[in-house]
Amino acid sequence: MKAIILAGGGGTRLWPVSRRRNPKQVEAIIGDSSLLQATYARLRRGFAPGDIYVATAEGQRRRIAAQLPKLPAANLIAEPCRRDTAAAIGYALLRISQAAPRDTFVIINSDAYVRDAAEYLRVIKAAGRAADKAEAAVLIGLKPTYPETGYGYIKVGRLVRRLPAAGGRKADRLCAVERFVEKPDLDTARAYLASGDFLWNPTLIVGRIDRFLELYARHLPGHAAIFDRLALAIGGPGEKAAVKRLFAALDPISIDYGILEKEKRLLVIPADFGWADVGNWRTVKDILARTPESNVIRGLHVGVDSAGNLIYSFSGKLVATAGVCNMIIIETGDAILVCPRERAQDVKKIVGELERDRRLNRYL
């Protein structure tokens, strides 16, 4: 089984630490390792180095190679330009299929937090065996623990079968995917949680390489046609120029919109291994705080009557607070972010303002 880490995203909601040149996956947001390094270390507990791949943008190749010195050079798959996740995943599978077309794979985002790595790996392997036998792609859905409005959801359909249990564990359920649901409002998320029929969708995709590539021909024929030409270019003379030209011709579309939401035969395994998308500063606070009232501090801080805050100082400056509660304060060498914890999603809007004002582009 091959593990493919997607590490080409921007992470705008984790500005000012996550920047264009140094996106969130290569920064130490949680702990001393970068999010990418933590993901790779987690996978190494269940995969050989030769079975782990990283898909990223060409501009991040050197940084990622430096962070993952044990990753084989051939396993770092660099896209010449960004064309969203359908292109990134398809290109990675195409590369790997040259030597192992019938192997199973799992797609993993580089920016997730996992509490129980052993259970995480167990479910991935179980999904791989199920995908190989079922001749359909298998998603891993997470049982929601609270009404999250920032995630997409999977509506669970009929039970297809129970997977063989081992070690006294309860058997995993393999279910049909009834439908996908976009990020809901709070009342809807509460209803999803109460029903027990919905799972968080972390876009953990498991399948067999040759079969999943066939889905491009079915749902994204334009991509499939270009992949056919890319397959002929790989390993041939002028490969680099041909790949650059052909990849740029791919239409940008996510794997969710391009394939998953169109495919009617998808399966899902409900799982629970303490997963969170490290997508904004509030999530960072929730992961690291012992209690909701605890402060999470990195760097120097002096506080009076201050609670429930996330305070990161990356430049070494002292951050002092008085009467400050439930706030996010992120200080870097050239920027300071201050916002209420419940407005963490709006950091993306700040990045949008920086993009619109040329005078501020240097802070991106």
Protein backbone atom coordinates (compact mmCIF):
# COMPACT_ATOMS: atom_id res chain seq x y z
CA MET A 1 0.00 0.00 0.00
CA LYS A 2 1.23 3.49 -0.87
CA ALA A 3 0.66 6.59 1.27
CA ILE A 4 0.51 9.90 -0.62
CA ILE A 5 0.85 13.04 1.48
CA LEU A 6 -0.63 16.18 -0.10
CA ALA A 7 1.61 19.09 0.90
CA GLY A 8 0.87 21.83 -1.59
CA GLY A 9 -1.75 23.94 0.20
CA GLY A 10 -1.50 27.55 1.33
CA GLY A 11 -3.05 27.61 4.80
CA THR A 12 -4.31 31.20 4.69
CA ARG A 13 -6.20 30.91 8.00
CA LEU A 14 -2.89 30.36 9.83
CA TRP A 15 -1.41 33.67 8.72
CA PRO A 16 0.95 35.32 9.70
CA VAL A 17 2.94 32.14 10.34
CA SER A 18 1.74 30.43 7.16
CA ARG A 19 2.96 32.38 4.12
CA ARG A 20 3.30 31.74 0.41
CA ARG A 21 6.96 30.79 0.72
CA ASN A 22 6.49 28.97 4.01
CA PRO A 23 2.98 27.45 4.08
CA LYS A 24 1.58 25.92 7.24
CA GLN A 25 2.61 22.34 6.52
CA VAL A 26 6.32 23.19 6.80
CA GLU A 27 5.91 25.24 9.99
CA ALA A 28 5.93 24.04 13.60
CA ILE A 29 2.36 24.99 14.46
CA ILE A 30 1.83 22.20 17.00
CA GLY A 31 4.89 20.95 18.86
CA ASP A 32 8.49 21.21 17.72
CA SER A 33 8.06 19.40 14.39
CA SER A 34 6.33 20.81 11.34
CA LEU A 35 2.88 19.49 10.46
CA LEU A 36 4.45 17.66 7.50
CA GLN A 37 7.16 16.07 9.64
CA ALA A 38 4.56 14.93 12.17
CA THR A 39 2.44 13.38 9.39
CA TYR A 40 5.46 11.59 7.92
CA ALA A 41 6.56 10.28 11.33
CA ARG A 42 3.03 8.99 11.99
CA LEU A 43 2.96 7.12 8.68
CA ARG A 44 6.42 5.64 9.24
CA ARG A 45 4.91 3.61 12.08
CA GLY A 46 2.97 1.61 9.49
CA PHE A 47 4.68 2.18 6.11
CA ALA A 48 8.18 1.59 4.75
CA PRO A 49 10.01 4.74 3.54
CA GLY A 50 9.73 3.57 -0.07
CA ASP A 51 5.92 3.41 0.20
CA ILE A 52 5.45 7.02 1.33
CA TYR A 53 5.18 9.78 -1.27
CA VAL A 54 4.79 13.55 -0.97
CA ALA A 55 2.95 15.57 -3.62
CA THR A 56 3.76 19.26 -3.52
CA ALA A 57 4.40 22.36 -5.62
CA GLU A 58 7.73 22.72 -7.41
CA GLY A 59 8.53 25.80 -5.31
CA GLN A 60 8.37 23.73 -2.12
CA ARG A 61 10.58 20.85 -3.31
CA ARG A 62 13.80 21.93 -1.59
CA ARG A 63 12.14 22.85 1.70
CA ILE A 64 10.30 19.52 1.90
CA ALA A 65 13.38 17.52 0.93
CA ALA A 66 15.29 19.24 3.74
CA GLN A 67 12.52 18.49 6.26
CA LEU A 68 12.22 14.83 5.21
CA PRO A 69 15.82 13.70 4.56
CA LYS A 70 14.86 10.00 4.66
CA LEU A 71 12.21 10.39 1.94
CA PRO A 72 13.56 8.85 -1.30
CA ALA A 73 14.13 11.58 -3.89
CA ALA A 74 11.94 9.76 -6.41
CA ASN A 75 9.06 9.81 -3.92
CA LEU A 76 8.87 13.61 -3.89
CA ILE A 77 6.40 14.40 -6.68
CA ALA A 78 6.51 18.08 -7.59
CA GLU A 79 3.78 19.74 -9.64
CA PRO A 80 5.03 22.51 -11.96
CA CYS A 81 2.06 24.72 -11.04
CA ARG A 82 -1.01 24.58 -8.80
CA ARG A 83 -4.11 23.03 -10.37
CA ASP A 84 -6.00 21.96 -7.21
CA THR A 85 -6.34 18.50 -5.68
CA ALA A 86 -7.83 16.54 -8.59
CA ALA A 87 -4.75 17.31 -10.66
CA ALA A 88 -2.34 16.77 -7.75
CA ILE A 89 -3.79 13.37 -6.82
CA GLY A 90 -4.13 12.19 -10.40
CA TYR A 91 -0.57 13.17 -11.26
CA ALA A 92 0.82 11.42 -8.17
CA LEU A 93 -1.13 8.24 -8.96
CA LEU A 94 0.01 8.39 -12.57
CA ARG A 95 3.65 8.60 -11.48
CA ILE A 96 3.31 5.71 -9.03
CA SER A 97 1.35 3.61 -11.52
CA GLN A 98 4.39 3.36 -13.77
CA ALA A 99 5.77 0.71 -11.39
CA ALA A 100 2.81 -0.35 -9.23
CA PRO A 101 -0.53 0.12 -11.06
CA ARG A 102 -2.44 -2.43 -8.97
CA ASP A 103 -1.25 -1.27 -5.54
CA THR A 104 -3.69 0.30 -3.12
CA PHE A 105 -3.13 3.83 -1.87
CA VAL A 106 -4.29 6.32 0.72
CA ILE A 107 -4.43 10.09 0.24
CA ILE A 108 -3.40 12.03 3.36
CA ASN A 109 -3.44 15.76 3.98
CA SER A 110 -0.27 17.04 5.59
CA ASP A 111 -2.01 19.40 8.01
CA ALA A 112 -4.09 17.11 10.24
CA TYR A 113 -3.71 16.30 13.92
CA VAL A 114 -4.23 12.67 14.99
CA ARG A 115 -4.41 11.66 18.64
CA ASP A 116 -4.39 7.85 18.24
CA ALA A 117 -1.84 6.98 15.56
CA ALA A 118 -2.17 3.21 16.05
CA GLU A 119 -5.92 3.27 15.41
CA TYR A 120 -5.43 5.67 12.49
CA LEU A 121 -3.02 3.26 10.79
CA ARG A 122 -5.20 0.26 11.56
CA VAL A 123 -8.23 1.83 9.88
CA ILE A 124 -6.18 2.87 6.84
CA LYS A 125 -4.95 -0.69 6.34
CA ALA A 126 -8.48 -2.07 6.80
CA ALA A 127 -9.77 0.41 4.22
CA GLY A 128 -7.02 -0.70 1.82
CA ARG A 129 -8.07 -4.35 2.08
CA ALA A 130 -11.72 -3.37 1.61
CA ALA A 131 -10.98 -1.22 -1.44
CA ASP A 132 -8.99 -4.00 -3.07
CA LYS A 133 -11.85 -6.50 -2.67
CA ALA A 134 -14.79 -4.16 -3.28
CA GLU A 135 -13.46 -2.65 -6.52
CA ALA A 136 -14.58 0.74 -5.23
CA ALA A 137 -12.85 3.62 -3.52
CA VAL A 138 -13.27 3.74 0.26
CA LEU A 139 -13.40 6.91 2.31
CA ILE A 140 -12.64 7.13 6.01
CA GLY A 141 -15.17 9.28 7.85
CA LEU A 142 -14.79 10.53 11.40
CA LYS A 143 -17.53 10.26 13.99
CA PRO A 144 -18.26 13.87 14.99
CA THR A 145 -17.76 14.78 18.64
CA TYR A 146 -19.31 18.25 18.50
CA PRO A 147 -21.29 20.33 15.95
CA GLU A 148 -18.40 21.57 13.78
CA THR A 149 -19.38 24.10 11.09
CA GLY A 150 -15.98 24.26 9.38
CA TYR A 151 -15.92 20.69 8.03
CA GLY A 152 -17.72 18.95 5.21
CA TYR A 153 -19.82 15.90 6.12
CA ILE A 154 -20.60 12.47 4.66
CA LYS A 155 -24.14 11.10 4.95
CA VAL A 156 -23.81 7.39 5.71
CA GLY A 157 -25.98 5.04 3.66
CA ARG A 158 -26.75 1.32 3.91
CA LEU A 159 -24.43 -1.16 5.57
CA VAL A 160 -22.56 -3.09 2.86
CA ARG A 161 -20.81 -5.51 5.20
CA ARG A 162 -18.83 -5.79 8.40
CA LEU A 163 -15.10 -6.16 7.98
CA PRO A 164 -13.25 -9.00 9.71
CA ALA A 165 -12.37 -8.08 13.29
CA ALA A 166 -9.01 -8.83 14.90
CA GLY A 167 -7.52 -8.72 18.37
CA GLY A 168 -10.85 -8.63 20.13
CA ARG A 169 -11.85 -5.43 18.36
CA LYS A 170 -15.36 -4.67 17.22
CA ALA A 171 -15.72 -5.16 13.46
CA ASP A 172 -15.53 -2.05 11.26
CA ARG A 173 -18.64 -1.15 9.29
CA LEU A 174 -18.27 -0.70 5.53
CA CYS A 175 -21.15 1.49 4.35
CA ALA A 176 -22.33 3.12 1.16
CA VAL A 177 -21.87 6.87 0.83
CA GLU A 178 -25.33 8.38 0.47
CA ARG A 179 -24.23 11.95 -0.20
CA PHE A 180 -21.77 14.71 0.68
CA VAL A 181 -22.77 17.83 2.56
CA GLU A 182 -21.00 21.18 2.52
CA LYS A 183 -20.03 23.02 5.69
CA PRO A 184 -23.33 23.44 7.57
CA ASP A 185 -24.60 26.22 9.81
CA LEU A 186 -24.61 25.57 13.55
CA ASP A 187 -28.21 24.36 13.83
CA THR A 188 -27.71 21.94 10.94
CA ALA A 189 -24.44 20.68 12.42
CA ARG A 190 -26.23 20.03 15.71
CA ALA A 191 -28.90 18.04 13.87
CA TYR A 192 -26.21 16.00 12.08
CA LEU A 193 -24.54 15.21 15.39
CA ALA A 194 -27.83 14.17 17.01
CA SER A 195 -28.84 11.92 14.10
CA GLY A 196 -25.71 9.76 14.16
CA ASP A 197 -25.94 9.41 10.37
CA PHE A 198 -23.26 11.92 9.43
CA LEU A 199 -19.47 11.80 9.57
CA TRP A 200 -16.82 14.48 9.26
CA ASN A 201 -15.13 14.24 5.86
CA PRO A 202 -11.32 14.51 6.22
CA THR A 203 -10.82 13.54 2.54
CA LEU A 204 -8.99 10.36 3.52
CA ILE A 205 -9.32 8.46 0.23
CA VAL A 206 -8.32 4.82 -0.15
CA GLY A 207 -8.43 2.88 -3.41
CA ARG A 208 -6.52 0.88 -5.98
CA ILE A 209 -4.41 3.00 -8.29
CA ASP A 210 -5.58 1.65 -11.65
CA ARG A 211 -9.25 1.69 -10.67
CA PHE A 212 -9.14 5.19 -9.25
CA LEU A 213 -7.46 6.55 -12.38
CA GLU A 214 -10.39 5.11 -14.35
CA LEU A 215 -12.67 7.50 -12.44
CA TYR A 216 -10.95 10.41 -14.18
CA ALA A 217 -12.02 9.03 -17.56
CA ARG A 218 -15.57 8.75 -16.24
CA HIS A 219 -15.90 12.10 -14.45
CA LEU A 220 -13.02 14.31 -15.64
CA PRO A 221 -12.33 13.24 -19.23
CA GLY A 222 -10.28 16.37 -19.89
CA HIS A 223 -7.91 15.41 -17.10
CA ALA A 224 -7.81 11.80 -18.31
CA ALA A 225 -6.82 12.86 -21.82
CA ILE A 226 -3.96 14.97 -20.49
CA PHE A 227 -2.88 12.17 -18.13
CA ASP A 228 -2.61 9.86 -21.16
CA ARG A 229 -0.20 12.33 -22.76
CA LEU A 230 1.69 12.78 -19.49
CA ALA A 231 2.14 9.01 -19.21
CA LEU A 232 3.88 9.02 -22.60
CA ALA A 233 6.09 11.97 -21.59
CA ILE A 234 7.27 10.53 -18.25
CA GLY A 235 10.72 9.01 -18.64
CA GLY A 236 11.14 10.27 -22.19
CA PRO A 237 13.30 13.02 -23.72
CA GLY A 238 12.11 16.50 -22.85
CA GLU A 239 10.05 15.17 -19.94
CA LYS A 240 10.36 18.29 -17.77
CA ALA A 241 9.17 20.70 -20.48
CA ALA A 242 6.37 18.37 -21.56
CA VAL A 243 5.10 17.89 -18.01
CA LYS A 244 5.19 21.64 -17.38
CA ARG A 245 3.18 22.35 -20.55
CA LEU A 246 0.64 19.58 -20.11
CA PHE A 247 0.08 20.07 -16.39
CA ALA A 248 -0.64 23.77 -16.91
CA ALA A 249 -3.45 22.78 -19.30
CA LEU A 250 -5.38 20.97 -16.54
CA ASP A 251 -8.48 22.77 -15.29
CA PRO A 252 -8.25 23.59 -11.57
CA ILE A 253 -10.85 21.58 -9.65
CA SER A 254 -10.87 19.80 -6.32
CA ILE A 255 -11.06 16.03 -6.03
CA ASP A 256 -14.30 16.48 -4.07
CA TYR A 257 -16.14 18.39 -6.80
CA GLY A 258 -14.40 16.71 -9.72
CA ILE A 259 -14.78 13.05 -8.75
CA LEU A 260 -16.03 12.16 -5.27
CA GLU A 261 -19.36 13.98 -5.46
CA LYS A 262 -20.04 12.49 -8.91
CA GLU A 263 -19.09 8.88 -8.19
CA LYS A 264 -22.07 6.75 -7.04
CA ARG A 265 -20.18 3.67 -5.82
CA LEU A 266 -18.11 5.14 -3.00
CA LEU A 267 -17.90 3.37 0.35
CA VAL A 268 -17.06 4.73 3.79
CA ILE A 269 -15.73 3.33 7.07
CA PRO A 270 -16.81 5.23 10.19
CA ALA A 271 -13.77 5.72 12.44
CA ASP A 272 -12.65 7.48 15.59
CA PHE A 273 -8.98 8.22 16.19
CA GLY A 274 -9.01 11.78 17.49
CA TRP A 275 -8.64 13.71 14.23
CA ALA A 276 -8.66 17.48 13.68
CA ASP A 277 -7.93 19.63 10.65
CA VAL A 278 -5.29 22.15 11.73
CA GLY A 279 -6.95 24.76 9.57
CA ASN A 280 -7.16 27.81 11.83
CA TRP A 281 -5.78 29.18 15.08
CA ARG A 282 -8.85 28.23 17.11
CA THR A 283 -8.25 24.57 16.22
CA VAL A 284 -4.65 24.93 17.39
CA LYS A 285 -5.91 26.31 20.70
CA ASP A 286 -8.47 23.51 21.10
CA ILE A 287 -5.87 20.81 20.42
CA LEU A 288 -3.26 22.15 22.83
CA ALA A 289 -5.34 23.55 25.70
CA ARG A 290 -5.85 21.39 28.80
CA THR A 291 -9.17 23.15 29.45
CA PRO A 292 -11.11 25.86 27.56
CA GLU A 293 -9.93 28.38 30.17
CA SER A 294 -6.25 27.49 29.81
CA ASN A 295 -3.86 29.79 27.99
CA VAL A 296 -1.70 28.23 25.28
CA ILE A 297 1.60 30.08 25.15
CA ARG A 298 4.63 29.88 22.89
CA GLY A 299 7.39 32.36 23.64
CA LEU A 300 7.48 35.02 26.38
CA HIS A 301 4.21 36.08 27.96
CA VAL A 302 3.17 37.93 31.09
CA GLY A 303 -0.56 38.00 31.81
CA VAL A 304 -2.89 39.52 34.38
CA ASP A 305 -6.49 38.27 34.49
CA SER A 306 -6.03 36.68 31.06
CA ALA A 307 -7.52 33.29 30.21
CA GLY A 308 -8.53 31.13 27.27
CA ASN A 309 -6.00 32.71 24.92
CA LEU A 310 -3.66 31.37 22.24
CA ILE A 311 -0.52 33.53 22.35
CA TYR A 312 2.42 32.74 20.05
CA SER A 313 5.51 34.95 19.88
CA PHE A 314 7.90 33.75 17.19
CA SER A 315 10.34 36.69 17.20
CA GLY A 316 11.28 36.59 20.88
CA LYS A 317 9.33 39.70 21.88
CA LEU A 318 7.52 39.68 25.20
CA VAL A 319 3.73 39.66 24.87
CA ALA A 320 1.95 41.17 27.90
CA THR A 321 -1.83 41.02 28.41
CA ALA A 322 -4.21 42.38 31.02
CA GLY A 323 -7.88 41.46 31.12
CA VAL A 324 -7.59 39.66 27.78
CA CYS A 325 -9.71 36.51 27.39
CA ASN A 326 -10.51 34.10 24.55
CA MET A 327 -8.26 35.87 22.08
CA ILE A 328 -5.75 34.81 19.47
CA ILE A 329 -2.49 36.77 19.45
CA ILE A 330 0.16 35.70 16.94
CA GLU A 331 3.37 37.72 16.72
CA THR A 332 6.07 37.23 14.07
CA GLY A 333 9.01 39.40 13.09
CA ASP A 334 6.97 41.56 10.72
CA ALA A 335 3.30 41.12 11.65
CA ILE A 336 0.89 40.79 14.57
CA LEU A 337 -2.52 39.12 14.42
CA VAL A 338 -5.13 39.87 17.09
CA CYS A 339 -8.65 38.47 16.89
CA PRO A 340 -11.32 36.87 19.09
CA ARG A 341 -11.11 33.08 19.16
CA GLU A 342 -14.53 32.71 17.54
CA ARG A 343 -13.40 34.84 14.56
CA ALA A 344 -10.47 32.57 13.66
CA GLN A 345 -12.01 31.66 10.28
CA ASP A 346 -11.89 35.34 9.30
CA VAL A 347 -8.09 35.36 9.13
CA LYS A 348 -8.57 34.21 5.53
CA LYS A 349 -10.34 37.52 4.87
CA ILE A 350 -7.30 39.39 6.16
CA VAL A 351 -5.15 37.54 3.66
CA GLY A 352 -7.63 38.56 0.98
CA GLU A 353 -7.13 42.21 1.93
CA LEU A 354 -3.36 41.79 1.73
CA GLU A 355 -3.73 40.30 -1.75
CA ARG A 356 -5.83 43.24 -2.94
CA ASP A 357 -3.41 45.94 -1.72
CA ARG A 358 -0.11 45.82 -3.60
CA ARG A 359 1.61 47.76 -0.83
CA LEU A 360 0.89 44.85 1.52
CA ASN A 361 1.75 41.95 -0.79
CA ARG A 362 5.12 41.52 0.93
CA TYR A 363 3.29 40.23 4.01
CA LEU A 364 1.76 37.31 2.11
